[in-house]
């Protein structure tokens, strides 16, 4: 399958988080454009997650530990671990989830 991000419709999943989702049989890949100041409240899910900052500064809290992530930095979030975040600047993020994030379809 060949895809282009320009052909994928963006969805605002939570206020300020605009995502383009790609789903395979076992994974979801999300490309986010995040508005400055937008927050994702603390939550957890069954999906393992890898978060990669492409642009901007993103404050991310995982299992009670807060760090500011900058371009090129990644965080690995195990299944069912509480996490939250805030865009300190406009950001572009990429998330990988396994298994598929069904609620993002």
PDB file of N, CA and C in Angstrom:
ATOM      1  N   UNK A   1       0.845  -1.166   0.000  1.00  0.00           N
ATOM      2  CA  UNK A   1       0.000   0.000   0.000  1.00  0.00           C
ATOM      3  C   UNK A   1       0.899   1.239   0.000  1.00  0.00           C
ATOM      4  N   UNK A   2       0.595   2.183  -0.857  1.00  0.00           N
ATOM      5  CA  UNK A   2       1.321   3.450  -0.930  1.00  0.00           C
ATOM      6  C   UNK A   2       0.403   4.571  -0.472  1.00  0.00           C
ATOM      7  N   UNK A   3       0.914   5.419   0.420  1.00  0.00           N
ATOM      8  CA  UNK A   3       0.123   6.518   0.966  1.00  0.00           C
ATOM      9  C   UNK A   3       0.927   7.804   0.911  1.00  0.00           C
ATOM     10  N   UNK A   4       0.211   8.916   0.906  1.00  0.00           N
ATOM     11  CA  UNK A   4       0.824  10.237   1.036  1.00  0.00           C
ATOM     12  C   UNK A   4       0.079  10.971   2.145  1.00  0.00           C
ATOM     13  N   UNK A   5       0.818  11.570   3.076  1.00  0.00           N
ATOM     14  CA  UNK A   5       0.163  12.297   4.161  1.00  0.00           C
ATOM     15  C   UNK A   5      -0.768  13.382   3.641  1.00  0.00           C
ATOM     16  N   UNK A   6      -0.417  13.975   2.509  1.00  0.00           N
ATOM     17  CA  UNK A   6      -1.248  15.040   1.939  1.00  0.00           C
ATOM     18  C   UNK A   6      -2.634  14.532   1.523  1.00  0.00           C
ATOM     19  N   UNK A   7      -2.770  13.219   1.345  1.00  0.00           N
ATOM     20  CA  UNK A   7      -4.056  12.637   0.939  1.00  0.00           C
ATOM     21  C   UNK A   7      -4.912  12.196   2.121  1.00  0.00           C
ATOM     22  N   UNK A   8      -4.376  12.269   3.339  1.00  0.00           N
ATOM     23  CA  UNK A   8      -5.096  11.794   4.518  1.00  0.00           C
ATOM     24  C   UNK A   8      -5.758  12.973   5.219  1.00  0.00           C
ATOM     25  N   UNK A   9      -7.039  12.817   5.499  1.00  0.00           N
ATOM     26  CA  UNK A   9      -7.791  13.875   6.181  1.00  0.00           C
ATOM     27  C   UNK A   9      -7.370  13.971   7.642  1.00  0.00           C
ATOM     28  N   UNK A  10      -7.176  15.183   8.119  1.00  0.00           N
ATOM     29  CA  UNK A  10      -6.802  15.428   9.507  1.00  0.00           C
ATOM     30  C   UNK A  10      -8.050  15.403  10.378  1.00  0.00           C
ATOM     31  N   UNK A  11      -7.909  14.814  11.590  1.00  0.00           N
ATOM     32  CA  UNK A  11      -8.999  14.768  12.565  1.00  0.00           C
ATOM     33  C   UNK A  11      -8.520  15.420  13.851  1.00  0.00           C
ATOM     34  N   UNK A  12      -9.353  16.272  14.430  1.00  0.00           N
ATOM     35  CA  UNK A  12      -9.028  16.854  15.728  1.00  0.00           C
ATOM     36  C   UNK A  12      -9.551  15.892  16.792  1.00  0.00           C
ATOM     37  N   UNK A  13      -8.645  15.087  17.344  1.00  0.00           N
ATOM     38  CA  UNK A  13      -9.021  14.043  18.291  1.00  0.00           C
ATOM     39  C   UNK A  13      -9.354  14.638  19.658  1.00  0.00           C
ATOM     40  N   UNK A  14      -8.528  15.560  20.126  1.00  0.00           N
ATOM     41  CA  UNK A  14      -8.815  16.357  21.316  1.00  0.00           C
ATOM     42  C   UNK A  14      -8.477  17.799  20.946  1.00  0.00           C
ATOM     43  N   UNK A  15      -9.008  18.777  21.654  1.00  0.00           N
ATOM     44  CA  UNK A  15      -8.777  20.169  21.249  1.00  0.00           C
ATOM     45  C   UNK A  15      -7.282  20.495  21.082  1.00  0.00           C
ATOM     46  N   UNK A  16      -6.961  20.991  19.894  1.00  0.00           N
ATOM     47  CA  UNK A  16      -5.606  21.405  19.588  1.00  0.00           C
ATOM     48  C   UNK A  16      -4.703  20.320  19.038  1.00  0.00           C
ATOM     49  N   UNK A  17      -5.166  19.077  18.998  1.00  0.00           N
ATOM     50  CA  UNK A  17      -4.396  17.951  18.459  1.00  0.00           C
ATOM     51  C   UNK A  17      -5.042  17.479  17.154  1.00  0.00           C
ATOM     52  N   UNK A  18      -4.398  17.820  16.032  1.00  0.00           N
ATOM     53  CA  UNK A  18      -4.908  17.486  14.698  1.00  0.00           C
ATOM     54  C   UNK A  18      -4.058  16.349  14.151  1.00  0.00           C
ATOM     55  N   UNK A  19      -4.688  15.189  13.927  1.00  0.00           N
ATOM     56  CA  UNK A  19      -3.925  14.011  13.557  1.00  0.00           C
ATOM     57  C   UNK A  19      -4.322  13.401  12.232  1.00  0.00           C
ATOM     58  N   UNK A  20      -3.315  12.871  11.561  1.00  0.00           N
ATOM     59  CA  UNK A  20      -3.513  12.062  10.362  1.00  0.00           C
ATOM     60  C   UNK A  20      -3.123  10.643  10.745  1.00  0.00           C
ATOM     61  N   UNK A  21      -4.086   9.716  10.624  1.00  0.00           N
ATOM     62  CA  UNK A  21      -3.909   8.348  11.117  1.00  0.00           C
ATOM     63  C   UNK A  21      -3.709   7.359   9.975  1.00  0.00           C
ATOM     64  N   UNK A  22      -2.779   6.461  10.201  1.00  0.00           N
ATOM     65  CA  UNK A  22      -2.536   5.356   9.276  1.00  0.00           C
ATOM     66  C   UNK A  22      -2.644   4.085  10.107  1.00  0.00           C
ATOM     67  N   UNK A  23      -3.441   3.141   9.635  1.00  0.00           N
ATOM     68  CA  UNK A  23      -3.665   1.902  10.370  1.00  0.00           C
ATOM     69  C   UNK A  23      -3.192   0.708   9.537  1.00  0.00           C
ATOM     70  N   UNK A  24      -2.399  -0.152  10.163  1.00  0.00           N
ATOM     71  CA  UNK A  24      -2.059  -1.424   9.553  1.00  0.00           C
ATOM     72  C   UNK A  24      -2.841  -2.496  10.300  1.00  0.00           C
ATOM     73  N   UNK A  25      -2.496  -3.721  10.092  1.00  0.00           N
ATOM     74  CA  UNK A  25      -3.201  -4.803  10.766  1.00  0.00           C
ATOM     75  C   UNK A  25      -2.952  -4.794  12.279  1.00  0.00           C
ATOM     76  N   UNK A  26      -1.743  -4.369  12.697  1.00  0.00           N
ATOM     77  CA  UNK A  26      -1.391  -4.466  14.110  1.00  0.00           C
ATOM     78  C   UNK A  26      -0.922  -3.149  14.739  1.00  0.00           C
ATOM     79  N   UNK A  27      -0.861  -2.064  13.955  1.00  0.00           N
ATOM     80  CA  UNK A  27      -0.338  -0.799  14.475  1.00  0.00           C
ATOM     81  C   UNK A  27      -1.148   0.387  13.965  1.00  0.00           C
ATOM     82  N   UNK A  28      -1.035   1.488  14.697  1.00  0.00           N
ATOM     83  CA  UNK A  28      -1.538   2.783  14.242  1.00  0.00           C
ATOM     84  C   UNK A  28      -0.378   3.761  14.287  1.00  0.00           C
ATOM     85  N   UNK A  29      -0.226   4.519  13.222  1.00  0.00           N
ATOM     86  CA  UNK A  29       0.770   5.584  13.135  1.00  0.00           C
ATOM     87  C   UNK A  29       0.001   6.891  13.058  1.00  0.00           C
ATOM     88  N   UNK A  30       0.334   7.826  13.962  1.00  0.00           N
ATOM     89  CA  UNK A  30      -0.372   9.108  14.011  1.00  0.00           C
ATOM     90  C   UNK A  30       0.628  10.236  13.817  1.00  0.00           C
ATOM     91  N   UNK A  31       0.343  11.120  12.867  1.00  0.00           N
ATOM     92  CA  UNK A  31       1.131  12.332  12.654  1.00  0.00           C
ATOM     93  C   UNK A  31       0.291  13.493  13.170  1.00  0.00           C
ATOM     94  N   UNK A  32       0.788  14.168  14.198  1.00  0.00           N
ATOM     95  CA  UNK A  32       0.046  15.227  14.871  1.00  0.00           C
ATOM     96  C   UNK A  32       0.623  16.600  14.558  1.00  0.00           C
ATOM     97  N   UNK A  33      -0.269  17.554  14.349  1.00  0.00           N
ATOM     98  CA  UNK A  33       0.077  18.972  14.387  1.00  0.00           C
ATOM     99  C   UNK A  33      -0.637  19.493  15.619  1.00  0.00           C
ATOM    100  N   UNK A  34       0.150  20.021  16.567  1.00  0.00           N
ATOM    101  CA  UNK A  34      -0.386  20.385  17.870  1.00  0.00           C
ATOM    102  C   UNK A  34      -0.239  21.888  18.079  1.00  0.00           C
ATOM    103  N   UNK A  35      -1.330  22.520  18.464  1.00  0.00           N
ATOM    104  CA  UNK A  35      -1.325  23.955  18.729  1.00  0.00           C
ATOM    105  C   UNK A  35      -0.613  24.248  20.037  1.00  0.00           C
ATOM    106  N   UNK A  36       0.098  25.370  20.095  1.00  0.00           N
ATOM    107  CA  UNK A  36       0.768  25.793  21.320  1.00  0.00           C
ATOM    108  C   UNK A  36      -0.249  25.863  22.458  1.00  0.00           C
ATOM    109  N   UNK A  37       0.108  25.288  23.602  1.00  0.00           N
ATOM    110  CA  UNK A  37      -0.761  25.304  24.770  1.00  0.00           C
ATOM    111  C   UNK A  37      -1.748  24.154  24.851  1.00  0.00           C
ATOM    112  N   UNK A  38      -1.897  23.390  23.768  1.00  0.00           N
ATOM    113  CA  UNK A  38      -2.832  22.265  23.785  1.00  0.00           C
ATOM    114  C   UNK A  38      -2.321  21.185  24.736  1.00  0.00           C
ATOM    115  N   UNK A  39      -3.246  20.591  25.476  1.00  0.00           N
ATOM    116  CA  UNK A  39      -2.873  19.568  26.448  1.00  0.00           C
ATOM    117  C   UNK A  39      -3.636  18.272  26.197  1.00  0.00           C
ATOM    118  N   UNK A  40      -2.980  17.186  26.497  1.00  0.00           N
ATOM    119  CA  UNK A  40      -3.640  15.885  26.531  1.00  0.00           C
ATOM    120  C   UNK A  40      -3.666  15.481  28.004  1.00  0.00           C
ATOM    121  N   UNK A  41      -4.866  15.307  28.576  1.00  0.00           N
ATOM    122  CA  UNK A  41      -4.951  15.004  30.004  1.00  0.00           C
ATOM    123  C   UNK A  41      -4.371  13.626  30.316  1.00  0.00           C
ATOM    124  N   UNK A  42      -4.038  13.428  31.584  1.00  0.00           N
ATOM    125  CA  UNK A  42      -3.482  12.129  31.974  1.00  0.00           C
ATOM    126  C   UNK A  42      -4.468  11.014  31.624  1.00  0.00           C
ATOM    127  N   UNK A  43      -3.932   9.974  31.034  1.00  0.00           N
ATOM    128  CA  UNK A  43      -4.732   8.829  30.628  1.00  0.00           C
ATOM    129  C   UNK A  43      -3.803   7.626  30.486  1.00  0.00           C
ATOM    130  N   UNK A  44      -4.367   6.472  30.253  1.00  0.00           N
ATOM    131  CA  UNK A  44      -3.595   5.275  29.934  1.00  0.00           C
ATOM    132  C   UNK A  44      -4.440   4.444  28.977  1.00  0.00           C
ATOM    133  N   UNK A  45      -3.790   3.504  28.300  1.00  0.00           N
ATOM    134  CA  UNK A  45      -4.491   2.642  27.351  1.00  0.00           C
ATOM    135  C   UNK A  45      -3.727   1.337  27.201  1.00  0.00           C
ATOM    136  N   UNK A  46      -4.376   0.362  26.597  1.00  0.00           N
ATOM    137  CA  UNK A  46      -3.769  -0.955  26.433  1.00  0.00           C
ATOM    138  C   UNK A  46      -2.641  -0.946  25.406  1.00  0.00           C
ATOM    139  N   UNK A  47      -2.555   0.132  24.618  1.00  0.00           N
ATOM    140  CA  UNK A  47      -1.578   0.194  23.537  1.00  0.00           C
ATOM    141  C   UNK A  47      -0.201   0.594  24.041  1.00  0.00           C
ATOM    142  N   UNK A  48       0.824  -0.106  23.586  1.00  0.00           N
ATOM    143  CA  UNK A  48       2.185   0.378  23.759  1.00  0.00           C
ATOM    144  C   UNK A  48       2.332   1.564  22.813  1.00  0.00           C
ATOM    145  N   UNK A  49       3.101   2.574  23.212  1.00  0.00           N
ATOM    146  CA  UNK A  49       3.202   3.806  22.414  1.00  0.00           C
ATOM    147  C   UNK A  49       4.651   4.270  22.349  1.00  0.00           C
ATOM    148  N   UNK A  50       5.042   4.749  21.182  1.00  0.00           N
ATOM    149  CA  UNK A  50       6.311   5.453  21.022  1.00  0.00           C
ATOM    150  C   UNK A  50       5.963   6.837  20.500  1.00  0.00           C
ATOM    151  N   UNK A  51       6.413   7.870  21.218  1.00  0.00           N
ATOM    152  CA  UNK A  51       6.155   9.258  20.825  1.00  0.00           C
ATOM    153  C   UNK A  51       7.475   9.868  20.357  1.00  0.00           C
ATOM    154  N   UNK A  52       7.455  10.484  19.171  1.00  0.00           N
ATOM    155  CA  UNK A  52       8.644  11.102  18.580  1.00  0.00           C
ATOM    156  C   UNK A  52       8.324  12.566  18.279  1.00  0.00           C
ATOM    157  N   UNK A  53       9.132  13.478  18.794  1.00  0.00           N
ATOM    158  CA  UNK A  53       8.946  14.907  18.518  1.00  0.00           C
ATOM    159  C   UNK A  53       9.675  15.235  17.218  1.00  0.00           C
ATOM    160  N   UNK A  54       8.924  15.717  16.240  1.00  0.00           N
ATOM    161  CA  UNK A  54       9.493  16.113  14.948  1.00  0.00           C
ATOM    162  C   UNK A  54       9.852  17.596  14.942  1.00  0.00           C
ATOM    163  N   UNK A  55       8.979  18.428  15.547  1.00  0.00           N
ATOM    164  CA  UNK A  55       9.201  19.878  15.640  1.00  0.00           C
ATOM    165  C   UNK A  55       8.603  20.380  16.942  1.00  0.00           C
ATOM    166  N   UNK A  56       9.241  21.383  17.538  1.00  0.00           N
ATOM    167  CA  UNK A  56       8.701  22.040  18.718  1.00  0.00           C
ATOM    168  C   UNK A  56       9.195  21.452  20.022  1.00  0.00           C
ATOM    169  N   UNK A  57       8.645  21.980  21.109  1.00  0.00           N
ATOM    170  CA  UNK A  57       8.967  21.540  22.466  1.00  0.00           C
ATOM    171  C   UNK A  57       7.691  21.013  23.112  1.00  0.00           C
ATOM    172  N   UNK A  58       7.743  19.774  23.578  1.00  0.00           N
ATOM    173  CA  UNK A  58       6.564  19.108  24.122  1.00  0.00           C
ATOM    174  C   UNK A  58       6.879  18.587  25.517  1.00  0.00           C
ATOM    175  N   UNK A  59       6.122  19.062  26.506  1.00  0.00           N
ATOM    176  CA  UNK A  59       6.279  18.591  27.883  1.00  0.00           C
ATOM    177  C   UNK A  59       5.459  17.317  28.045  1.00  0.00           C
ATOM    178  N   UNK A  60       6.117  16.238  28.434  1.00  0.00           N
ATOM    179  CA  UNK A  60       5.467  14.935  28.493  1.00  0.00           C
ATOM    180  C   UNK A  60       5.729  14.322  29.859  1.00  0.00           C
ATOM    181  N   UNK A  61       4.674  13.842  30.479  1.00  0.00           N
ATOM    182  CA  UNK A  61       4.768  13.206  31.800  1.00  0.00           C
ATOM    183  C   UNK A  61       4.390  11.736  31.652  1.00  0.00           C
ATOM    184  N   UNK A  62       5.307  10.855  32.034  1.00  0.00           N
ATOM    185  CA  UNK A  62       5.070   9.412  31.951  1.00  0.00           C
ATOM    186  C   UNK A  62       5.343   8.808  33.324  1.00  0.00           C
ATOM    187  N   UNK A  63       4.346   8.132  33.873  1.00  0.00           N
ATOM    188  CA  UNK A  63       4.477   7.471  35.174  1.00  0.00           C
ATOM    189  C   UNK A  63       5.007   8.435  36.237  1.00  0.00           C
ATOM    190  N   UNK A  64       4.532   9.679  36.210  1.00  0.00           N
ATOM    191  CA  UNK A  64       4.886  10.652  37.221  1.00  0.00           C
ATOM    192  C   UNK A  64       6.172  11.427  36.967  1.00  0.00           C
ATOM    193  N   UNK A  65       6.886  11.121  35.894  1.00  0.00           N
ATOM    194  CA  UNK A  65       8.148  11.803  35.573  1.00  0.00           C
ATOM    195  C   UNK A  65       7.916  12.738  34.386  1.00  0.00           C
ATOM    196  N   UNK A  66       8.224  14.037  34.567  1.00  0.00           N
ATOM    197  CA  UNK A  66       8.015  15.042  33.531  1.00  0.00           C
ATOM    198  C   UNK A  66       9.345  15.411  32.886  1.00  0.00           C
ATOM    199  N   UNK A  67       9.325  15.523  31.551  1.00  0.00           N
ATOM    200  CA  UNK A  67      10.513  15.907  30.781  1.00  0.00           C
ATOM    201  C   UNK A  67      10.056  16.730  29.591  1.00  0.00           C
ATOM    202  N   UNK A  68      10.864  17.678  29.173  1.00  0.00           N
ATOM    203  CA  UNK A  68      10.584  18.424  27.945  1.00  0.00           C
ATOM    204  C   UNK A  68      11.320  17.729  26.800  1.00  0.00           C
ATOM    205  N   UNK A  69      10.553  17.322  25.807  1.00  0.00           N
ATOM    206  CA  UNK A  69      11.092  16.627  24.633  1.00  0.00           C
ATOM    207  C   UNK A  69      11.213  17.624  23.491  1.00  0.00           C
ATOM    208  N   UNK A  70      12.322  17.518  22.778  1.00  0.00           N
ATOM    209  CA  UNK A  70      12.625  18.413  21.660  1.00  0.00           C
ATOM    210  C   UNK A  70      12.811  17.585  20.393  1.00  0.00           C
ATOM    211  N   UNK A  71      12.925  18.225  19.231  1.00  0.00           N
ATOM    212  CA  UNK A  71      13.036  17.477  17.975  1.00  0.00           C
ATOM    213  C   UNK A  71      14.122  16.394  18.034  1.00  0.00           C
ATOM    214  N   UNK A  72      13.725  15.215  17.566  1.00  0.00           N
ATOM    215  CA  UNK A  72      14.624  14.072  17.533  1.00  0.00           C
ATOM    216  C   UNK A  72      14.560  13.208  18.771  1.00  0.00           C
ATOM    217  N   UNK A  73      13.826  13.652  19.806  1.00  0.00           N
ATOM    218  CA  UNK A  73      13.730  12.865  21.033  1.00  0.00           C
ATOM    219  C   UNK A  73      12.457  12.024  21.034  1.00  0.00           C
ATOM    220  N   UNK A  74      12.559  10.862  21.673  1.00  0.00           N
ATOM    221  CA  UNK A  74      11.467   9.906  21.713  1.00  0.00           C
ATOM    222  C   UNK A  74      11.184   9.469  23.138  1.00  0.00           C
ATOM    223  N   UNK A  75       9.938   9.057  23.360  1.00  0.00           N
ATOM    224  CA  UNK A  75       9.547   8.458  24.637  1.00  0.00           C
ATOM    225  C   UNK A  75       8.844   7.143  24.335  1.00  0.00           C
ATOM    226  N   UNK A  76       9.133   6.133  25.140  1.00  0.00           N
ATOM    227  CA  UNK A  76       8.449   4.847  25.025  1.00  0.00           C
ATOM    228  C   UNK A  76       7.518   4.719  26.217  1.00  0.00           C
ATOM    229  N   UNK A  77       6.237   4.497  25.932  1.00  0.00           N
ATOM    230  CA  UNK A  77       5.225   4.404  26.966  1.00  0.00           C
ATOM    231  C   UNK A  77       4.676   2.981  26.974  1.00  0.00           C
ATOM    232  N   UNK A  78       4.959   2.208  28.019  1.00  0.00           N
ATOM    233  CA  UNK A  78       4.427   0.847  28.091  1.00  0.00           C
ATOM    234  C   UNK A  78       2.901   0.851  28.215  1.00  0.00           C
ATOM    235  N   UNK A  79       2.312  -0.287  27.980  1.00  0.00           N
ATOM    236  CA  UNK A  79       0.863  -0.457  28.105  1.00  0.00           C
ATOM    237  C   UNK A  79       0.399  -0.067  29.510  1.00  0.00           C
ATOM    238  N   UNK A  80      -0.754   0.590  29.570  1.00  0.00           N
ATOM    239  CA  UNK A  80      -1.450   0.899  30.826  1.00  0.00           C
ATOM    240  C   UNK A  80      -0.688   1.804  31.791  1.00  0.00           C
ATOM    241  N   UNK A  81       0.287   2.585  31.300  1.00  0.00           N
ATOM    242  CA  UNK A  81       1.040   3.515  32.135  1.00  0.00           C
ATOM    243  C   UNK A  81       0.445   4.920  31.960  1.00  0.00           C
ATOM    244  N   UNK A  82       0.101   5.605  33.053  1.00  0.00           N
ATOM    245  CA  UNK A  82      -0.463   6.959  32.943  1.00  0.00           C
ATOM    246  C   UNK A  82       0.539   7.928  32.307  1.00  0.00           C
ATOM    247  N   UNK A  83       0.021   8.779  31.419  1.00  0.00           N
ATOM    248  CA  UNK A  83       0.848   9.789  30.760  1.00  0.00           C
ATOM    249  C   UNK A  83      -0.028  10.962  30.333  1.00  0.00           C
ATOM    250  N   UNK A  84       0.633  12.131  30.175  1.00  0.00           N
ATOM    251  CA  UNK A  84      -0.057  13.351  29.761  1.00  0.00           C
ATOM    252  C   UNK A  84       0.962  14.251  29.078  1.00  0.00           C
ATOM    253  N   UNK A  85       0.481  15.320  28.440  1.00  0.00           N
ATOM    254  CA  UNK A  85       1.427  16.195  27.762  1.00  0.00           C
ATOM    255  C   UNK A  85       0.861  17.572  27.478  1.00  0.00           C
ATOM    256  N   UNK A  86       1.795  18.491  27.144  1.00  0.00           N
ATOM    257  CA  UNK A  86       1.419  19.856  26.795  1.00  0.00           C
ATOM    258  C   UNK A  86       2.403  20.392  25.768  1.00  0.00           C
ATOM    259  N   UNK A  87       1.869  21.027  24.722  1.00  0.00           N
ATOM    260  CA  UNK A  87       2.701  21.658  23.701  1.00  0.00           C
ATOM    261  C   UNK A  87       3.162  23.016  24.206  1.00  0.00           C
ATOM    262  N   UNK A  88       4.461  23.150  24.441  1.00  0.00           N
ATOM    263  CA  UNK A  88       5.021  24.431  24.897  1.00  0.00           C
ATOM    264  C   UNK A  88       5.183  25.404  23.742  1.00  0.00           C
ATOM    265  N   UNK A  89       5.262  24.861  22.526  1.00  0.00           N
ATOM    266  CA  UNK A  89       5.319  25.616  21.274  1.00  0.00           C
ATOM    267  C   UNK A  89       4.418  24.872  20.297  1.00  0.00           C
ATOM    268  N   UNK A  90       4.142  25.426  19.117  1.00  0.00           N
ATOM    269  CA  UNK A  90       3.493  24.590  18.105  1.00  0.00           C
ATOM    270  C   UNK A  90       4.393  23.375  17.862  1.00  0.00           C
ATOM    271  N   UNK A  91       3.787  22.196  17.762  1.00  0.00           N
ATOM    272  CA  UNK A  91       4.564  20.956  17.645  1.00  0.00           C
ATOM    273  C   UNK A  91       4.077  20.090  16.495  1.00  0.00           C
ATOM    274  N   UNK A  92       4.987  19.286  15.999  1.00  0.00           N
ATOM    275  CA  UNK A  92       4.657  18.162  15.134  1.00  0.00           C
ATOM    276  C   UNK A  92       5.200  16.930  15.826  1.00  0.00           C
ATOM    277  N   UNK A  93       4.314  15.970  16.050  1.00  0.00           N
ATOM    278  CA  UNK A  93       4.656  14.740  16.747  1.00  0.00           C
ATOM    279  C   UNK A  93       4.278  13.551  15.892  1.00  0.00           C
ATOM    280  N   UNK A  94       4.948  12.443  16.120  1.00  0.00           N
ATOM    281  CA  UNK A  94       4.561  11.179  15.507  1.00  0.00           C
ATOM    282  C   UNK A  94       4.414  10.158  16.625  1.00  0.00           C
ATOM    283  N   UNK A  95       3.285   9.475  16.650  1.00  0.00           N
ATOM    284  CA  UNK A  95       3.048   8.410  17.620  1.00  0.00           C
ATOM    285  C   UNK A  95       2.883   7.093  16.880  1.00  0.00           C
ATOM    286  N   UNK A  96       3.420   6.052  17.468  1.00  0.00           N
ATOM    287  CA  UNK A  96       3.202   4.688  16.984  1.00  0.00           C
ATOM    288  C   UNK A  96       2.513   3.944  18.114  1.00  0.00           C
ATOM    289  N   UNK A  97       1.427   3.260  17.798  1.00  0.00           N
ATOM    290  CA  UNK A  97       0.667   2.499  18.780  1.00  0.00           C
ATOM    291  C   UNK A  97       0.559   1.048  18.329  1.00  0.00           C
ATOM    292  N   UNK A  98       0.683   0.140  19.280  1.00  0.00           N
ATOM    293  CA  UNK A  98       0.447  -1.274  19.007  1.00  0.00           C
ATOM    294  C   UNK A  98      -0.229  -1.870  20.239  1.00  0.00           C
ATOM    295  N   UNK A  99      -1.362  -2.543  20.076  1.00  0.00           N
ATOM    296  CA  UNK A  99      -2.076  -2.788  18.827  1.00  0.00           C
ATOM    297  C   UNK A  99      -2.754  -1.517  18.305  1.00  0.00           C
ATOM    298  N   UNK A 100      -3.518  -1.682  17.251  1.00  0.00           N
ATOM    299  CA  UNK A 100      -4.217  -0.577  16.585  1.00  0.00           C
ATOM    300  C   UNK A 100      -5.056   0.208  17.599  1.00  0.00           C
ATOM    301  N   UNK A 101      -5.049   1.542  17.480  1.00  0.00           N
ATOM    302  CA  UNK A 101      -5.937   2.403  18.274  1.00  0.00           C
ATOM    303  C   UNK A 101      -7.293   2.442  17.550  1.00  0.00           C
ATOM    304  N   UNK A 102      -8.171   1.535  17.909  1.00  0.00           N
ATOM    305  CA  UNK A 102      -9.466   1.411  17.239  1.00  0.00           C
ATOM    306  C   UNK A 102     -10.268   2.703  17.304  1.00  0.00           C
ATOM    307  N   UNK A 103     -10.154   3.454  18.435  1.00  0.00           N
ATOM    308  CA  UNK A 103     -10.930   4.691  18.579  1.00  0.00           C
ATOM    309  C   UNK A 103     -10.450   5.793  17.647  1.00  0.00           C
ATOM    310  N   UNK A 104      -9.306   5.617  16.999  1.00  0.00           N
ATOM    311  CA  UNK A 104      -8.789   6.608  16.048  1.00  0.00           C
ATOM    312  C   UNK A 104      -9.229   6.321  14.611  1.00  0.00           C
ATOM    313  N   UNK A 105      -9.940   5.216  14.407  1.00  0.00           N
ATOM    314  CA  UNK A 105     -10.394   4.881  13.038  1.00  0.00           C
ATOM    315  C   UNK A 105     -11.582   5.739  12.660  1.00  0.00           C
TER     316      UNK A 105
END
